[in-house]
C-alpha atoms as a PDB file:
ATOM      1  CA  MET A   1     -52.043  55.503  49.570  1.00  0.00           C
ATOM      2  CA  PRO A   2     -55.500  56.155  51.029  1.00  0.00           C
ATOM      3  CA  LEU A   3     -56.871  59.673  51.485  1.00  0.00           C
ATOM      4  CA  TYR A   4     -57.996  60.721  54.961  1.00  0.00           C
ATOM      5  CA  ASN A   5     -60.284  63.318  56.480  1.00  0.00           C
ATOM      6  CA  CYS A   6     -58.529  66.401  57.842  1.00  0.00           C
ATOM      7  CA  PRO A   7     -57.061  65.483  61.228  1.00  0.00           C
ATOM      8  CA  ASP A   8     -58.179  68.803  62.755  1.00  0.00           C
ATOM      9  CA  CYS A   9     -61.573  69.759  61.285  1.00  0.00           C
ATOM     10  CA  ASN A  10     -62.513  66.302  59.919  1.00  0.00           C
ATOM     11  CA  VAL A  11     -63.642  67.471  56.451  1.00  0.00           C
ATOM     12  CA  LYS A  12     -63.422  64.927  53.648  1.00  0.00           C
ATOM     13  CA  PRO A  13     -60.860  65.184  50.821  1.00  0.00           C
ATOM     14  CA  GLY A  14     -61.886  67.904  48.363  1.00  0.00           C
ATOM     15  CA  GLU A  15     -63.894  69.862  50.928  1.00  0.00           C
ATOM     16  CA  VAL A  16     -63.164  73.323  52.323  1.00  0.00           C
ATOM     17  CA  HIS A  17     -61.638  73.361  55.826  1.00  0.00           C
ATOM     18  CA  GLU A  18     -63.831  74.446  58.732  1.00  0.00           C
ATOM     19  CA  ALA A  19     -63.123  77.925  60.120  1.00  0.00           C
ATOM     20  CA  GLY A  20     -60.279  77.804  62.648  1.00  0.00           C
ATOM     21  CA  CYS A  21     -58.686  74.623  61.293  1.00  0.00           C
ATOM     22  CA  ASP A  22     -54.990  74.577  62.165  1.00  0.00           C
ATOM     23  CA  VAL A  23     -54.087  72.427  59.124  1.00  0.00           C
ATOM     24  CA  GLU A  24     -55.410  74.857  56.479  1.00  0.00           C
ATOM     25  CA  ARG A  25     -52.738  76.742  54.499  1.00  0.00           C
ATOM     26  CA  CYS A  26     -53.172  80.407  53.505  1.00  0.00           C
ATOM     27  CA  SER A  27     -53.592  80.969  49.767  1.00  0.00           C
ATOM     28  CA  ILE A  28     -51.989  84.431  50.103  1.00  0.00           C
ATOM     29  CA  CYS A  29     -48.816  83.853  52.156  1.00  0.00           C
ATOM     30  CA  GLY A  30     -48.470  80.042  52.112  1.00  0.00           C
ATOM     31  CA  GLY A  31     -48.309  79.794  55.887  1.00  0.00           C
ATOM     32  CA  GLN A  32     -50.725  78.386  58.426  1.00  0.00           C
ATOM     33  CA  ARG A  33     -54.055  80.133  57.872  1.00  0.00           C
ATOM     34  CA  LEU A  34     -54.932  80.105  61.558  1.00  0.00           C
ATOM     35  CA  SER A  35     -51.863  82.208  62.414  1.00  0.00           C
ATOM     36  CA  CYS A  36     -52.108  84.828  59.651  1.00  0.00           C
ATOM     37  CA  ASP A  37     -54.476  87.680  58.900  1.00  0.00           C
ATOM     38  CA  CYS A  38     -54.040  87.925  55.129  1.00  0.00           C
ATOM     39  CA  LYS A  39     -56.919  89.501  53.259  1.00  0.00           C
ATOM     40  CA  GLY A  40     -58.312  87.763  50.170  1.00  0.00           C
ATOM     41  CA  HIS A  41     -57.663  84.157  51.239  1.00  0.00           C
ATOM     42  CA  ASP A  42     -59.428  81.660  48.943  1.00  0.00           C
ATOM     43  CA  ARG A  43     -60.753  78.822  51.090  1.00  0.00           C
ATOM     44  CA  ARG A  44     -61.644  76.737  48.026  1.00  0.00           C
ATOM     45  CA  PHE A  45     -58.070  76.911  46.711  1.00  0.00           C
ATOM     46  CA  ALA A  46     -56.788  75.793  50.136  1.00  0.00           C
ATOM     47  CA  ARG A  47     -59.230  72.877  50.453  1.00  0.00           C
ATOM     48  CA  TRP A  48     -58.241  69.629  52.174  1.00  0.00           C
ATOM     49  CA  THR A  49     -56.735  67.142  49.702  1.00  0.00           C
ATOM     50  CA  GLY A  50     -56.637  64.085  51.934  1.00  0.00           C
ATOM     51  CA  ILE A  51     -52.852  64.353  52.278  1.00  0.00           C
ATOM     52  CA  TRP A  52     -50.938  66.440  54.838  1.00  0.00           C
ATOM     53  CA  PRO A  53     -50.016  69.793  53.207  1.00  0.00           C
ATOM     54  CA  GLY A  54     -46.501  69.636  51.761  1.00  0.00           C
ATOM     55  CA  SER A  55     -45.791  65.983  52.536  1.00  0.00           C
ATOM     56  CA  VAL A  56     -45.902  64.766  48.931  1.00  0.00           C
ATOM     57  CA  GLU A  57     -43.896  67.764  47.735  1.00  0.00           C
ATOM     58  CA  ALA A  58     -41.262  67.256  50.445  1.00  0.00           C
ATOM     59  CA  ASP A  59     -40.972  63.553  49.578  1.00  0.00           C
ATOM     60  CA  TYR A  60     -40.511  64.436  45.907  1.00  0.00           C
ATOM     61  CA  LEU A  61     -37.815  67.016  46.754  1.00  0.00           C
ATOM     62  CA  LYS A  62     -36.156  64.528  49.153  1.00  0.00           C
ATOM     63  CA  ILE A  63     -36.344  66.970  52.059  1.00  0.00           C
ATOM     64  CA  ASP A  64     -38.307  66.864  55.281  1.00  0.00           C
ATOM     65  CA  LEU A  65     -41.424  68.917  55.885  1.00  0.00           C
ATOM     66  CA  ASN A  66     -39.594  71.471  58.047  1.00  0.00           C
ATOM     67  CA  GLN A  67     -37.091  72.082  55.239  1.00  0.00           C
ATOM     68  CA  LEU A  68     -39.968  72.606  52.792  1.00  0.00           C
ATOM     69  CA  TYR A  69     -41.015  75.643  54.851  1.00  0.00           C
ATOM     70  CA  GLU A  70     -37.478  76.781  55.717  1.00  0.00           C
ATOM     71  CA  GLN A  71     -36.551  76.839  52.019  1.00  0.00           C
ATOM     72  CA  GLY A  72     -39.731  78.711  51.046  1.00  0.00           C
ATOM     73  CA  TYR A  73     -41.330  75.963  48.978  1.00  0.00           C
ATOM     74  CA  ASN A  74     -44.612  76.563  50.810  1.00  0.00           C
ATOM     75  CA  LYS A  75     -44.841  79.798  48.825  1.00  0.00           C
ATOM     76  CA  VAL A  76     -44.541  77.823  45.590  1.00  0.00           C
ATOM     77  CA  PHE A  77     -47.084  75.149  46.440  1.00  0.00           C
ATOM     78  CA  PHE A  78     -49.688  76.867  48.646  1.00  0.00           C
ATOM     79  CA  ILE A  79     -50.025  80.405  47.268  1.00  0.00           C
ATOM     80  CA  LYS A  80     -52.760  80.878  44.706  1.00  0.00           C
ATOM     81  CA  PRO A  81     -51.210  81.902  41.353  1.00  0.00           C
ATOM     82  CA  LYS A  82     -51.816  85.501  40.313  1.00  0.00           C
ATOM     83  CA  SER A  83     -53.334  84.263  37.049  1.00  0.00           C
ATOM     84  CA  LEU A  84     -56.215  82.788  39.092  1.00  0.00           C
ATOM     85  CA  LYS A  85     -56.752  85.817  41.325  1.00  0.00           C
ATOM     86  CA  ASN A  86     -59.662  88.040  40.413  1.00  0.00           C
ATOM     87  CA  ASN A  87     -60.399  86.021  37.297  1.00  0.00           C
ATOM     88  CA  PRO A  88     -64.070  84.943  37.355  1.00  0.00           C
ATOM     89  CA  LYS A  89     -63.556  82.554  34.436  1.00  0.00           C
ATOM     90  CA  GLU A  90     -60.875  80.628  36.347  1.00  0.00           C
ATOM     91  CA  GLU A  91     -63.037  80.577  39.480  1.00  0.00           C
ATOM     92  CA  GLY A  92     -65.788  78.725  37.624  1.00  0.00           C
ATOM     93  CA  LYS A  93     -67.992  81.806  37.597  1.00  0.00           C
ATOM     94  CA  THR A  94     -69.586  83.514  34.633  1.00  0.00           C
ATOM     95  CA  LYS A  95     -69.992  87.207  34.024  1.00  0.00           C
END
């Protein structure tokens, strides 16, 4: 399966979404970043992968994309784990 640029902001796979992209997921709440105001969102964690957010996970779970969100799986797959929050070593930074 080929990887594609983001259909909204056109960034390449592995790149950070442009500000205001309606495809970007929020790393705090797991919802659409454009429609939330969560503080502390990590744009690098929520980068574009080349695959629509949740589509591979939904296929694996044998549910449709709407069910992925209805059943709360977006919180499992799109929220940055607490072990990575505020940990400079995990962020690729040094003290």
